Full PDB file with SEQRES, HELIX, SHEET, SSBOND, CRYST1, ORIGX, SCALE, CONECT and MASTER records, all heavy atoms in Angstrom:
SEQRES   1 A   41  PRO ASP TRP ASN TYR VAL PHE GLY LEU ALA SER TYR GLU          
SEQRES   2 A   41  ASN GLY VAL GLY VAL THR SER MET TYR ARG PHE ALA ASN          
SEQRES   3 A   41  GLY HIS LEU THR ASP SER ASN PHE ASN GLU CYS LEU LEU          
SEQRES   4 A   41  ASP LEU                                                      
HELIX    1 AA1 TYR A   22  ALA A   25  5                                   4    
HELIX    2 AA2 ASP A   31  LEU A   39  1                                   9    
SHEET    1 AA1 2 GLY A   8  SER A  11  0                                        
SHEET    2 AA1 2 VAL A  16  THR A  19 -1                                        
CRYST1    1.000    1.000    1.000  90.00  90.00  90.00 P 1           1          
ORIGX1      1.000000  0.000000  0.000000        0.00000                         
ORIGX2      0.000000  1.000000  0.000000        0.00000                         
ORIGX3      0.000000  0.000000  1.000000        0.00000                         
SCALE1      1.000000  0.000000  0.000000        0.00000                         
SCALE2      0.000000  1.000000  0.000000        0.00000                         
SCALE3      0.000000  0.000000  1.000000        0.00000                         
ATOM      1  N   PRO A   1       0.797  -1.234   0.000  1.00  0.00           N  
ATOM      2  CA  PRO A   1       0.000   0.000   0.000  1.00  0.00           C  
ATOM      3  C   PRO A   1       0.831   1.286   0.000  1.00  0.00           C  
ATOM      4  O   PRO A   1       0.413   2.294  -0.554  1.00  0.00           O  
ATOM      5  CB  PRO A   1      -0.822  -0.099   1.281  1.00  0.00           C  
ATOM      6  CG  PRO A   1      -0.854  -1.543   1.625  1.00  0.00           C  
ATOM      7  CD  PRO A   1       0.446  -2.127   1.109  1.00  0.00           C  
ATOM      8  N   ASP A   2       2.024   1.251   0.587  1.00  0.00           N  
ATOM      9  CA  ASP A   2       2.835   2.466   0.664  1.00  0.00           C  
ATOM     10  C   ASP A   2       3.751   2.649  -0.553  1.00  0.00           C  
ATOM     11  O   ASP A   2       4.480   3.625  -0.626  1.00  0.00           O  
ATOM     12  CB  ASP A   2       3.658   2.474   1.960  1.00  0.00           C  
ATOM     13  CG  ASP A   2       4.529   1.238   2.130  1.00  0.00           C  
ATOM     14  OD1 ASP A   2       4.110   0.160   1.686  1.00  0.00           O  
ATOM     15  OD2 ASP A   2       5.622   1.359   2.701  1.00  0.00           O  
ATOM     16  N   TRP A   3       3.723   1.745  -1.531  1.00  0.00           N  
ATOM     17  CA  TRP A   3       4.511   1.871  -2.754  1.00  0.00           C  
ATOM     18  C   TRP A   3       3.700   2.587  -3.814  1.00  0.00           C  
ATOM     19  O   TRP A   3       2.484   2.461  -3.865  1.00  0.00           O  
ATOM     20  CB  TRP A   3       4.920   0.512  -3.282  1.00  0.00           C  
ATOM     21  CG  TRP A   3       5.961  -0.195  -2.478  1.00  0.00           C  
ATOM     22  CD1 TRP A   3       6.319   0.068  -1.189  1.00  0.00           C  
ATOM     23  CD2 TRP A   3       6.750  -1.298  -2.907  1.00  0.00           C  
ATOM     24  NE1 TRP A   3       7.290  -0.809  -0.781  1.00  0.00           N  
ATOM     25  CE2 TRP A   3       7.580  -1.661  -1.821  1.00  0.00           C  
ATOM     26  CE3 TRP A   3       6.845  -2.015  -4.079  1.00  0.00           C  
ATOM     27  CZ2 TRP A   3       8.478  -2.703  -1.896  1.00  0.00           C  
ATOM     28  CZ3 TRP A   3       7.743  -3.059  -4.142  1.00  0.00           C  
ATOM     29  CH2 TRP A   3       8.554  -3.388  -3.066  1.00  0.00           C  
ATOM     30  N   ASN A   4       4.364   3.311  -4.697  1.00  0.00           N  
ATOM     31  CA  ASN A   4       3.685   3.985  -5.792  1.00  0.00           C  
ATOM     32  C   ASN A   4       3.203   2.963  -6.817  1.00  0.00           C  
ATOM     33  O   ASN A   4       2.027   2.757  -6.994  1.00  0.00           O  
ATOM     34  CB  ASN A   4       4.621   5.024  -6.427  1.00  0.00           C  
ATOM     35  CG  ASN A   4       3.937   5.937  -7.380  1.00  0.00           C  
ATOM     36  OD1 ASN A   4       2.724   5.939  -7.473  1.00  0.00           O  
ATOM     37  ND2 ASN A   4       4.697   6.706  -8.114  1.00  0.00           N  
ATOM     38  N   TYR A   5       4.115   2.304  -7.504  1.00  0.00           N  
ATOM     39  CA  TYR A   5       3.802   1.219  -8.437  1.00  0.00           C  
ATOM     40  C   TYR A   5       5.103   0.543  -8.830  1.00  0.00           C  
ATOM     41  O   TYR A   5       6.182   1.049  -8.559  1.00  0.00           O  
ATOM     42  CB  TYR A   5       3.084   1.725  -9.690  1.00  0.00           C  
ATOM     43  CG  TYR A   5       3.920   2.652 -10.538  1.00  0.00           C  
ATOM     44  CD1 TYR A   5       4.759   2.152 -11.528  1.00  0.00           C  
ATOM     45  CD2 TYR A   5       3.894   4.026 -10.338  1.00  0.00           C  
ATOM     46  CE1 TYR A   5       5.549   2.996 -12.293  1.00  0.00           C  
ATOM     47  CE2 TYR A   5       4.683   4.868 -11.094  1.00  0.00           C  
ATOM     48  CZ  TYR A   5       5.499   4.355 -12.065  1.00  0.00           C  
ATOM     49  OH  TYR A   5       6.279   5.189 -12.815  1.00  0.00           O  
ATOM     50  N   VAL A   6       5.007  -0.605  -9.464  1.00  0.00           N  
ATOM     51  CA  VAL A   6       6.176  -1.292 -10.008  1.00  0.00           C  
ATOM     52  C   VAL A   6       5.827  -1.764 -11.415  1.00  0.00           C  
ATOM     53  O   VAL A   6       4.664  -1.965 -11.754  1.00  0.00           O  
ATOM     54  CB  VAL A   6       6.626  -2.488  -9.139  1.00  0.00           C  
ATOM     55  CG1 VAL A   6       7.105  -2.028  -7.774  1.00  0.00           C  
ATOM     56  CG2 VAL A   6       5.516  -3.517  -8.995  1.00  0.00           C  
ATOM     57  N   PHE A   7       6.836  -1.915 -12.256  1.00  0.00           N  
ATOM     58  CA  PHE A   7       6.624  -2.426 -13.609  1.00  0.00           C  
ATOM     59  C   PHE A   7       6.522  -3.941 -13.628  1.00  0.00           C  
ATOM     60  O   PHE A   7       5.990  -4.519 -14.564  1.00  0.00           O  
ATOM     61  CB  PHE A   7       7.749  -1.977 -14.546  1.00  0.00           C  
ATOM     62  CG  PHE A   7       7.625  -0.540 -14.946  1.00  0.00           C  
ATOM     63  CD1 PHE A   7       8.427   0.417 -14.361  1.00  0.00           C  
ATOM     64  CD2 PHE A   7       6.715  -0.156 -15.916  1.00  0.00           C  
ATOM     65  CE1 PHE A   7       8.322   1.754 -14.734  1.00  0.00           C  
ATOM     66  CE2 PHE A   7       6.600   1.173 -16.291  1.00  0.00           C  
ATOM     67  CZ  PHE A   7       7.411   2.125 -15.692  1.00  0.00           C  
ATOM     68  N   GLY A   8       7.046  -4.601 -12.595  1.00  0.00           N  
ATOM     69  CA  GLY A   8       6.982  -6.055 -12.558  1.00  0.00           C  
ATOM     70  C   GLY A   8       7.439  -6.602 -11.222  1.00  0.00           C  
ATOM     71  O   GLY A   8       8.053  -5.904 -10.422  1.00  0.00           O  
ATOM     72  N   LEU A   9       7.088  -7.850 -11.004  1.00  0.00           N  
ATOM     73  CA  LEU A   9       7.475  -8.566  -9.792  1.00  0.00           C  
ATOM     74  C   LEU A   9       7.929  -9.958 -10.192  1.00  0.00           C  
ATOM     75  O   LEU A   9       7.413 -10.526 -11.160  1.00  0.00           O  
ATOM     76  CB  LEU A   9       6.284  -8.703  -8.839  1.00  0.00           C  
ATOM     77  CG  LEU A   9       5.684  -7.434  -8.286  1.00  0.00           C  
ATOM     78  CD1 LEU A   9       4.330  -7.722  -7.654  1.00  0.00           C  
ATOM     79  CD2 LEU A   9       6.623  -6.846  -7.254  1.00  0.00           C  
ATOM     80  N   ALA A  10       8.867 -10.514  -9.445  1.00  0.00           N  
ATOM     81  CA  ALA A  10       9.328 -11.866  -9.740  1.00  0.00           C  
ATOM     82  C   ALA A  10       9.819 -12.552  -8.482  1.00  0.00           C  
ATOM     83  O   ALA A  10      10.219 -11.906  -7.520  1.00  0.00           O  
ATOM     84  CB  ALA A  10      10.451 -11.829 -10.775  1.00  0.00           C  
ATOM     85  N   SER A  11       9.778 -13.862  -8.525  1.00  0.00           N  
ATOM     86  CA  SER A  11      10.349 -14.684  -7.463  1.00  0.00           C  
ATOM     87  C   SER A  11      11.280 -15.688  -8.118  1.00  0.00           C  
ATOM     88  O   SER A  11      10.831 -16.598  -8.820  1.00  0.00           O  
ATOM     89  CB  SER A  11       9.251 -15.416  -6.693  1.00  0.00           C  
ATOM     90  OG  SER A  11       9.833 -16.392  -5.840  1.00  0.00           O  
ATOM     91  N   TYR A  12      12.564 -15.500  -7.892  1.00  0.00           N  
ATOM     92  CA  TYR A  12      13.548 -16.437  -8.423  1.00  0.00           C  
ATOM     93  C   TYR A  12      13.335 -17.818  -7.801  1.00  0.00           C  
ATOM     94  O   TYR A  12      13.390 -18.838  -8.474  1.00  0.00           O  
ATOM     95  CB  TYR A  12      14.959 -15.924  -8.138  1.00  0.00           C  
ATOM     96  CG  TYR A  12      16.037 -16.834  -8.675  1.00  0.00           C  
ATOM     97  CD1 TYR A  12      16.327 -16.865 -10.035  1.00  0.00           C  
ATOM     98  CD2 TYR A  12      16.760 -17.659  -7.824  1.00  0.00           C  
ATOM     99  CE1 TYR A  12      17.307 -17.695 -10.531  1.00  0.00           C  
ATOM    100  CE2 TYR A  12      17.741 -18.490  -8.311  1.00  0.00           C  
ATOM    101  CZ  TYR A  12      18.005 -18.512  -9.666  1.00  0.00           C  
ATOM    102  OH  TYR A  12      18.973 -19.343 -10.157  1.00  0.00           O  
ATOM    103  N   GLU A  13      13.068 -17.834  -6.508  1.00  0.00           N  
ATOM    104  CA  GLU A  13      12.877 -19.083  -5.773  1.00  0.00           C  
ATOM    105  C   GLU A  13      11.716 -19.904  -6.339  1.00  0.00           C  
ATOM    106  O   GLU A  13      11.808 -21.117  -6.475  1.00  0.00           O  
ATOM    107  CB  GLU A  13      12.630 -18.776  -4.302  1.00  0.00           C  
ATOM    108  CG  GLU A  13      12.444 -19.994  -3.424  1.00  0.00           C  
ATOM    109  CD  GLU A  13      12.240 -19.601  -1.974  1.00  0.00           C  
ATOM    110  OE1 GLU A  13      13.125 -18.931  -1.413  1.00  0.00           O  
ATOM    111  OE2 GLU A  13      11.190 -19.963  -1.427  1.00  0.00           O  
ATOM    112  N   ASN A  14      10.617 -19.241  -6.686  1.00  0.00           N  
ATOM    113  CA  ASN A  14       9.437 -19.940  -7.201  1.00  0.00           C  
ATOM    114  C   ASN A  14       9.403 -20.023  -8.723  1.00  0.00           C  
ATOM    115  O   ASN A  14       8.530 -20.679  -9.286  1.00  0.00           O  
ATOM    116  CB  ASN A  14       8.159 -19.270  -6.694  1.00  0.00           C  
ATOM    117  CG  ASN A  14       8.030 -19.386  -5.196  1.00  0.00           C  
ATOM    118  OD1 ASN A  14       8.274 -20.435  -4.620  1.00  0.00           O  
ATOM    119  ND2 ASN A  14       7.672 -18.296  -4.539  1.00  0.00           N  
ATOM    120  N   GLY A  15      10.309 -19.326  -9.384  1.00  0.00           N  
ATOM    121  CA  GLY A  15      10.372 -19.376 -10.845  1.00  0.00           C  
ATOM    122  C   GLY A  15       9.170 -18.743 -11.531  1.00  0.00           C  
ATOM    123  O   GLY A  15       8.733 -19.218 -12.583  1.00  0.00           O  
ATOM    124  N   VAL A  16       8.631 -17.659 -10.961  1.00  0.00           N  
ATOM    125  CA  VAL A  16       7.476 -16.978 -11.544  1.00  0.00           C  
ATOM    126  C   VAL A  16       7.726 -15.475 -11.619  1.00  0.00           C  
ATOM    127  O   VAL A  16       8.559 -14.933 -10.891  1.00  0.00           O  
ATOM    128  CB  VAL A  16       6.179 -17.231 -10.731  1.00  0.00           C  
ATOM    129  CG1 VAL A  16       5.820 -18.697 -10.726  1.00  0.00           C  
ATOM    130  CG2 VAL A  16       6.313 -16.709  -9.315  1.00  0.00           C  
ATOM    131  N   GLY A  17       7.021 -14.822 -12.496  1.00  0.00           N  
ATOM    132  CA  GLY A  17       7.126 -13.377 -12.607  1.00  0.00           C  
ATOM    133  C   GLY A  17       5.918 -12.808 -13.322  1.00  0.00           C  
ATOM    134  O   GLY A  17       5.190 -13.521 -14.016  1.00  0.00           O  
ATOM    135  N   VAL A  18       5.702 -11.527 -13.147  1.00  0.00           N  
ATOM    136  CA  VAL A  18       4.626 -10.823 -13.834  1.00  0.00           C  
ATOM    137  C   VAL A  18       5.118  -9.424 -14.164  1.00  0.00           C  
ATOM    138  O   VAL A  18       5.885  -8.833 -13.406  1.00  0.00           O  
ATOM    139  CB  VAL A  18       3.335 -10.771 -12.988  1.00  0.00           C  
ATOM    140  CG1 VAL A  18       3.527  -9.995 -11.705  1.00  0.00           C  
ATOM    141  CG2 VAL A  18       2.175 -10.197 -13.784  1.00  0.00           C  
ATOM    142  N   THR A  19       4.723  -8.921 -15.303  1.00  0.00           N  
ATOM    143  CA  THR A  19       5.053  -7.556 -15.690  1.00  0.00           C  
ATOM    144  C   THR A  19       3.770  -6.851 -16.106  1.00  0.00           C  
ATOM    145  O   THR A  19       2.840  -7.476 -16.593  1.00  0.00           O  
ATOM    146  CB  THR A  19       6.109  -7.525 -16.817  1.00  0.00           C  
ATOM    147  OG1 THR A  19       6.553  -6.188 -16.995  1.00  0.00           O  
ATOM    148  CG2 THR A  19       5.578  -8.053 -18.120  1.00  0.00           C  
ATOM    149  N   SER A  20       3.731  -5.555 -15.888  1.00  0.00           N  
ATOM    150  CA  SER A  20       2.551  -4.761 -16.190  1.00  0.00           C  
ATOM    151  C   SER A  20       2.812  -3.829 -17.367  1.00  0.00           C  
ATOM    152  O   SER A  20       3.850  -3.175 -17.429  1.00  0.00           O  
ATOM    153  CB  SER A  20       2.158  -3.919 -14.972  1.00  0.00           C  
ATOM    154  OG  SER A  20       1.143  -2.985 -15.311  1.00  0.00           O  
ATOM    155  N   MET A  21       1.853  -3.757 -18.276  1.00  0.00           N  
ATOM    156  CA  MET A  21       1.940  -2.848 -19.415  1.00  0.00           C  
ATOM    157  C   MET A  21       1.186  -1.542 -19.150  1.00  0.00           C  
ATOM    158  O   MET A  21       1.174  -0.655 -19.978  1.00  0.00           O  
ATOM    159  CB  MET A  21       1.344  -3.511 -20.663  1.00  0.00           C  
ATOM    160  CG  MET A  21       2.071  -4.773 -21.044  1.00  0.00           C  
ATOM    161  SD  MET A  21       3.823  -4.483 -21.114  1.00  0.00           S  
ATOM    162  CE  MET A  21       4.182  -4.849 -22.767  1.00  0.00           C  
ATOM    163  N   TYR A  22       0.572  -1.421 -17.995  1.00  0.00           N  
ATOM    164  CA  TYR A  22      -0.298  -0.288 -17.675  1.00  0.00           C  
ATOM    165  C   TYR A  22       0.388   1.058 -17.883  1.00  0.00           C  
ATOM    166  O   TYR A  22      -0.171   1.954 -18.505  1.00  0.00           O  
ATOM    167  CB  TYR A  22      -0.772  -0.422 -16.228  1.00  0.00           C  
ATOM    168  CG  TYR A  22      -1.757   0.622 -15.800  1.00  0.00           C  
ATOM    169  CD1 TYR A  22      -3.105   0.454 -16.049  1.00  0.00           C  
ATOM    170  CD2 TYR A  22      -1.349   1.766 -15.127  1.00  0.00           C  
ATOM    171  CE1 TYR A  22      -4.024   1.402 -15.646  1.00  0.00           C  
ATOM    172  CE2 TYR A  22      -2.257   2.721 -14.722  1.00  0.00           C  
ATOM    173  CZ  TYR A  22      -3.593   2.537 -14.988  1.00  0.00           C  
ATOM    174  OH  TYR A  22      -4.493   3.477 -14.592  1.00  0.00           O  
ATOM    175  N   ARG A  23       1.573   1.223 -17.372  1.00  0.00           N  
ATOM    176  CA  ARG A  23       2.270   2.516 -17.446  1.00  0.00           C  
ATOM    177  C   ARG A  23       2.806   2.830 -18.836  1.00  0.00           C  
ATOM    178  O   ARG A  23       3.078   3.985 -19.141  1.00  0.00           O  
ATOM    179  CB  ARG A  23       3.419   2.553 -16.432  1.00  0.00           C  
ATOM    180  CG  ARG A  23       2.964   2.388 -15.001  1.00  0.00           C  
ATOM    181  CD  ARG A  23       2.369   3.649 -14.489  1.00  0.00           C  
ATOM    182  NE  ARG A  23       1.707   3.426 -13.214  1.00  0.00           N  
ATOM    183  CZ  ARG A  23       1.332   4.399 -12.417  1.00  0.00           C  
ATOM    184  NH1 ARG A  23       1.563   5.650 -12.729  1.00  0.00           N  
ATOM    185  NH2 ARG A  23       0.699   4.125 -11.291  1.00  0.00           N  
ATOM    186  N   PHE A  24       2.966   1.825 -19.685  1.00  0.00           N  
ATOM    187  CA  PHE A  24       3.458   2.063 -21.043  1.00  0.00           C  
ATOM    188  C   PHE A  24       2.422   2.763 -21.914  1.00  0.00           C  
ATOM    189  O   PHE A  24       2.748   3.354 -22.927  1.00  0.00           O  
ATOM    190  CB  PHE A  24       3.894   0.754 -21.706  1.00  0.00           C  
ATOM    191  CG  PHE A  24       5.116   0.163 -21.076  1.00  0.00           C  
ATOM    192  CD1 PHE A  24       5.033  -1.001 -20.344  1.00  0.00           C  
ATOM    193  CD2 PHE A  24       6.348   0.787 -21.200  1.00  0.00           C  
ATOM    194  CE1 PHE A  24       6.160  -1.549 -19.756  1.00  0.00           C  
ATOM    195  CE2 PHE A  24       7.486   0.249 -20.609  1.00  0.00           C  
ATOM    196  CZ  PHE A  24       7.383  -0.926 -19.887  1.00  0.00           C  
ATOM    197  N   ALA A  25       1.150   2.706 -21.530  1.00  0.00           N  
ATOM    198  CA  ALA A  25       0.080   3.361 -22.281  1.00  0.00           C  
ATOM    199  C   ALA A  25      -0.538   4.497 -21.474  1.00  0.00           C  
ATOM    200  O   ALA A  25      -1.674   4.880 -21.698  1.00  0.00           O  
ATOM    201  CB  ALA A  25      -0.989   2.348 -22.668  1.00  0.00           C  
ATOM    202  N   ASN A  26       0.205   5.012 -20.502  1.00  0.00           N  
ATOM    203  CA  ASN A  26      -0.267   6.115 -19.653  1.00  0.00           C  
ATOM    204  C   ASN A  26      -1.601   5.806 -18.981  1.00  0.00           C  
ATOM    205  O   ASN A  26      -2.413   6.699 -18.772  1.00  0.00           O  
ATOM    206  CB  ASN A  26      -0.353   7.405 -20.456  1.00  0.00           C  
ATOM    207  CG  ASN A  26       0.990   7.870 -20.946  1.00  0.00           C  
ATOM    208  OD1 ASN A  26       1.978   7.777 -20.236  1.00  0.00           O  
ATOM    209  ND2 ASN A  26       1.036   8.352 -22.171  1.00  0.00           N  
ATOM    210  N   GLY A  27      -1.835   4.543 -18.689  1.00  0.00           N  
ATOM    211  CA  GLY A  27      -3.062   4.149 -18.003  1.00  0.00           C  
ATOM    212  C   GLY A  27      -4.294   4.120 -18.872  1.00  0.00           C  
ATOM    213  O   GLY A  27      -5.396   3.998 -18.357  1.00  0.00           O  
ATOM    214  N   HIS A  28      -4.137   4.231 -20.184  1.00  0.00           N  
ATOM    215  CA  HIS A  28      -5.277   4.236 -21.093  1.00  0.00           C  
ATOM    216  C   HIS A  28      -5.196   3.049 -22.041  1.00  0.00           C  
ATOM    217  O   HIS A  28      -5.077   3.205 -23.249  1.00  0.00           O  
ATOM    218  CB  HIS A  28      -5.323   5.539 -21.891  1.00  0.00           C  
ATOM    219  CG  HIS A  28      -5.544   6.738 -21.023  1.00  0.00           C  
ATOM    220  ND1 HIS A  28      -4.516   7.364 -20.341  1.00  0.00           N  
ATOM    221  CD2 HIS A  28      -6.673   7.403 -20.698  1.00  0.00           C  
ATOM    222  CE1 HIS A  28      -5.015   8.379 -19.653  1.00  0.00           C  
ATOM    223  NE2 HIS A  28      -6.315   8.423 -19.839  1.00  0.00           N  
ATOM    224  N   LEU A  29      -5.256   1.865 -21.488  1.00  0.00           N  
ATOM    225  CA  LEU A  29      -5.146   0.667 -22.310  1.00  0.00           C  
ATOM    226  C   LEU A  29      -6.487   0.270 -22.908  1.00  0.00           C  
ATOM    227  O   LEU A  29      -7.528   0.357 -22.267  1.00  0.00           O  
ATOM    228  CB  LEU A  29      -4.608  -0.500 -21.486  1.00  0.00           C  
ATOM    229  CG  LEU A  29      -3.123  -0.438 -21.178  1.00  0.00           C  
ATOM    230  CD1 LEU A  29      -2.754  -1.538 -20.197  1.00  0.00           C  
ATOM    231  CD2 LEU A  29      -2.310  -0.572 -22.436  1.00  0.00           C  
ATOM    232  N   THR A  30      -6.425  -0.151 -24.144  1.00  0.00           N  
ATOM    233  CA  THR A  30      -7.568  -0.735 -24.837  1.00  0.00           C  
ATOM    234  C   THR A  30      -7.092  -2.071 -25.395  1.00  0.00           C  
ATOM    235  O   THR A  30      -5.906  -2.389 -25.356  1.00  0.00           O  
ATOM    236  CB  THR A  30      -8.039   0.157 -25.997  1.00  0.00           C  
ATOM    237  OG1 THR A  30      -6.985   0.240 -26.965  1.00  0.00           O  
ATOM    238  CG2 THR A  30      -8.412   1.552 -25.525  1.00  0.00           C  
ATOM    239  N   ASP A  31      -8.000  -2.871 -25.929  1.00  0.00           N  
ATOM    240  CA  ASP A  31      -7.583  -4.127 -26.562  1.00  0.00           C  
ATOM    241  C   ASP A  31      -6.554  -3.854 -27.647  1.00  0.00           C  
ATOM    242  O   ASP A  31      -5.573  -4.564 -27.792  1.00  0.00           O  
ATOM    243  CB  ASP A  31      -8.780  -4.852 -27.166  1.00  0.00           C  
ATOM    244  CG  ASP A  31      -9.711  -5.409 -26.108  1.00  0.00           C  
ATOM    245  OD1 ASP A  31      -9.284  -5.560 -24.954  1.00  0.00           O  
ATOM    246  OD2 ASP A  31     -10.865  -5.696 -26.450  1.00  0.00           O  
ATOM    247  N   SER A  32      -6.735  -2.791 -28.384  1.00  0.00           N  
ATOM    248  CA  SER A  32      -5.854  -2.464 -29.499  1.00  0.00           C  
ATOM    249  C   SER A  32      -4.452  -2.071 -29.039  1.00  0.00           C  
ATOM    250  O   SER A  32      -3.465  -2.651 -29.480  1.00  0.00           O  
ATOM    251  CB  SER A  32      -6.463  -1.323 -30.314  1.00  0.00           C  
ATOM    252  OG  SER A  32      -5.549  -0.841 -31.261  1.00  0.00           O  
ATOM    253  N   ASN A  33      -4.338  -1.098 -28.150  1.00  0.00           N  
ATOM    254  CA  ASN A  33      -2.994  -0.656 -27.787  1.00  0.00           C  
ATOM    255  C   ASN A  33      -2.310  -1.620 -26.811  1.00  0.00           C  
ATOM    256  O   ASN A  33      -1.096  -1.616 -26.704  1.00  0.00           O  
ATOM    257  CB  ASN A  33      -2.954   0.797 -27.310  1.00  0.00           C  
ATOM    258  CG  ASN A  33      -3.685   1.064 -26.030  1.00  0.00           C  
ATOM    259  OD1 ASN A  33      -4.105   0.154 -25.325  1.00  0.00           O  
ATOM    260  ND2 ASN A  33      -3.875   2.337 -25.719  1.00  0.00           N  
ATOM    261  N   PHE A  34      -3.052  -2.466 -26.107  1.00  0.00           N  
ATOM    262  CA  PHE A  34      -2.419  -3.499 -25.294  1.00  0.00           C  
ATOM    263  C   PHE A  34      -1.673  -4.467 -26.208  1.00  0.00           C  
ATOM    264  O   PHE A  34      -0.526  -4.808 -25.955  1.00  0.00           O  
ATOM    265  CB  PHE A  34      -3.429  -4.253 -24.454  1.00  0.00           C  
ATOM    266  CG  PHE A  34      -2.815  -5.349 -23.620  1.00  0.00           C  
ATOM    267  CD1 PHE A  34      -2.067  -5.045 -22.497  1.00  0.00           C  
ATOM    268  CD2 PHE A  34      -2.980  -6.678 -23.963  1.00  0.00           C  
ATOM    269  CE1 PHE A  34      -1.492  -6.056 -21.719  1.00  0.00           C  
ATOM    270  CE2 PHE A  34      -2.412  -7.687 -23.194  1.00  0.00           C  
ATOM    271  CZ  PHE A  34      -1.677  -7.361 -22.070  1.00  0.00           C  
ATOM    272  N   ASN A  35      -2.312  -4.874 -27.297  1.00  0.00           N  
ATOM    273  CA  ASN A  35      -1.653  -5.768 -28.255  1.00  0.00           C  
ATOM    274  C   ASN A  35      -0.454  -5.095 -28.897  1.00  0.00           C  
ATOM    275  O   ASN A  35       0.565  -5.733 -29.148  1.00  0.00           O  
ATOM    276  CB  ASN A  35      -2.643  -6.236 -29.318  1.00  0.00           C  
ATOM    277  CG  ASN A  35      -3.681  -7.176 -28.731  1.00  0.00           C  
ATOM    278  OD1 ASN A  35      -3.440  -7.843 -27.735  1.00  0.00           O  
ATOM    279  ND2 ASN A  35      -4.848  -7.218 -29.348  1.00  0.00           N  
ATOM    280  N   GLU A  36      -0.524  -3.791 -29.156  1.00  0.00           N  
ATOM    281  CA  GLU A  36       0.614  -3.057 -29.708  1.00  0.00           C  
ATOM    282  C   GLU A  36       1.774  -3.045 -28.720  1.00  0.00           C  
ATOM    283  O   GLU A  36       2.934  -3.140 -29.125  1.00  0.00           O  
ATOM    284  CB  GLU A  36       0.209  -1.637 -30.067  1.00  0.00           C  
ATOM    285  CG  GLU A  36      -0.684  -1.540 -31.277  1.00  0.00           C  
ATOM    286  CD  GLU A  36      -1.143  -0.125 -31.542  1.00  0.00           C  
ATOM    287  OE1 GLU A  36      -0.472   0.833 -31.075  1.00  0.00           O  
ATOM    288  OE2 GLU A  36      -2.170   0.032 -32.218  1.00  0.00           O  
ATOM    289  N   CYS A  37       1.494  -2.920 -27.435  1.00  0.00           N  
ATOM    290  CA  CYS A  37       2.548  -2.959 -26.424  1.00  0.00           C  
ATOM    291  C   CYS A  37       3.284  -4.297 -26.462  1.00  0.00           C  
ATOM    292  O   CYS A  37       4.496  -4.347 -26.291  1.00  0.00           O  
ATOM    293  CB  CYS A  37       1.962  -2.777 -25.017  1.00  0.00           C  
ATOM    294  SG  CYS A  37       1.403  -1.110 -24.650  1.00  0.00           S  
ATOM    295  N   LEU A  38       2.568  -5.369 -26.723  1.00  0.00           N  
ATOM    296  CA  LEU A  38       3.195  -6.691 -26.771  1.00  0.00           C  
ATOM    297  C   LEU A  38       4.134  -6.822 -27.946  1.00  0.00           C  
ATOM    298  O   LEU A  38       5.125  -7.558 -27.881  1.00  0.00           O  
ATOM    299  CB  LEU A  38       2.115  -7.786 -26.833  1.00  0.00           C  
ATOM    300  CG  LEU A  38       1.198  -7.880 -25.615  1.00  0.00           C  
ATOM    301  CD1 LEU A  38       0.148  -8.954 -25.855  1.00  0.00           C  
ATOM    302  CD2 LEU A  38       1.980  -8.161 -24.356  1.00  0.00           C  
ATOM    303  N   LEU A  39       3.876  -6.087 -29.015  1.00  0.00           N  
ATOM    304  CA  LEU A  39       4.748  -6.148 -30.188  1.00  0.00           C  
ATOM    305  C   LEU A  39       6.109  -5.535 -29.890  1.00  0.00           C  
ATOM    306  O   LEU A  39       7.102  -5.870 -30.537  1.00  0.00           O  
ATOM    307  CB  LEU A  39       4.105  -5.431 -31.377  1.00  0.00           C  
ATOM    308  CG  LEU A  39       2.825  -6.065 -31.919  1.00  0.00           C  
ATOM    309  CD1 LEU A  39       2.217  -5.162 -32.985  1.00  0.00           C  
ATOM    310  CD2 LEU A  39       3.111  -7.453 -32.481  1.00  0.00           C  
ATOM    311  N   ASP A  40       6.183  -4.640 -28.913  1.00  0.00           N  
ATOM    312  CA  ASP A  40       7.443  -3.967 -28.577  1.00  0.00           C  
ATOM    313  C   ASP A  40       8.321  -4.794 -27.646  1.00  0.00           C  
ATOM    314  O   ASP A  40       9.441  -4.418 -27.366  1.00  0.00           O  
ATOM    315  CB  ASP A  40       7.156  -2.615 -27.906  1.00  0.00           C  
ATOM    316  CG  ASP A  40       6.515  -1.632 -28.873  1.00  0.00           C  
ATOM    317  OD1 ASP A  40       6.734  -1.772 -30.086  1.00  0.00           O  
ATOM    318  OD2 ASP A  40       5.803  -0.732 -28.406  1.00  0.00           O  
ATOM    319  N   LEU A  41       7.815  -5.919 -27.150  1.00  0.00           N  
ATOM    320  CA  LEU A  41       8.613  -6.742 -26.228  1.00  0.00           C  
ATOM    321  C   LEU A  41       9.723  -7.459 -26.929  1.00  0.00           C  
ATOM    322  O   LEU A  41       9.730  -7.861 -27.991  1.00  0.00           O  
ATOM    323  CB  LEU A  41       7.723  -7.757 -25.506  1.00  0.00           C  
ATOM    324  CG  LEU A  41       6.730  -7.149 -24.537  1.00  0.00           C  
ATOM    325  CD1 LEU A  41       5.853  -8.240 -23.941  1.00  0.00           C  
ATOM    326  CD2 LEU A  41       7.450  -6.425 -23.420  1.00  0.00           C  
TER     327      LEU A  41                                                      
MASTER        0    0    0    2    2    0    0    6  326    1    0    4          
END                                                                             
């Protein structure tokens, strides 16, 4: 709760991770621009 935000989280021990595309579209994601964000990966 006291953190602003993060682009991703991971656990090396558990072998899992997640990344967020929310900030790459200034918080205005649609189906269209979410898919465009994936093309830049």
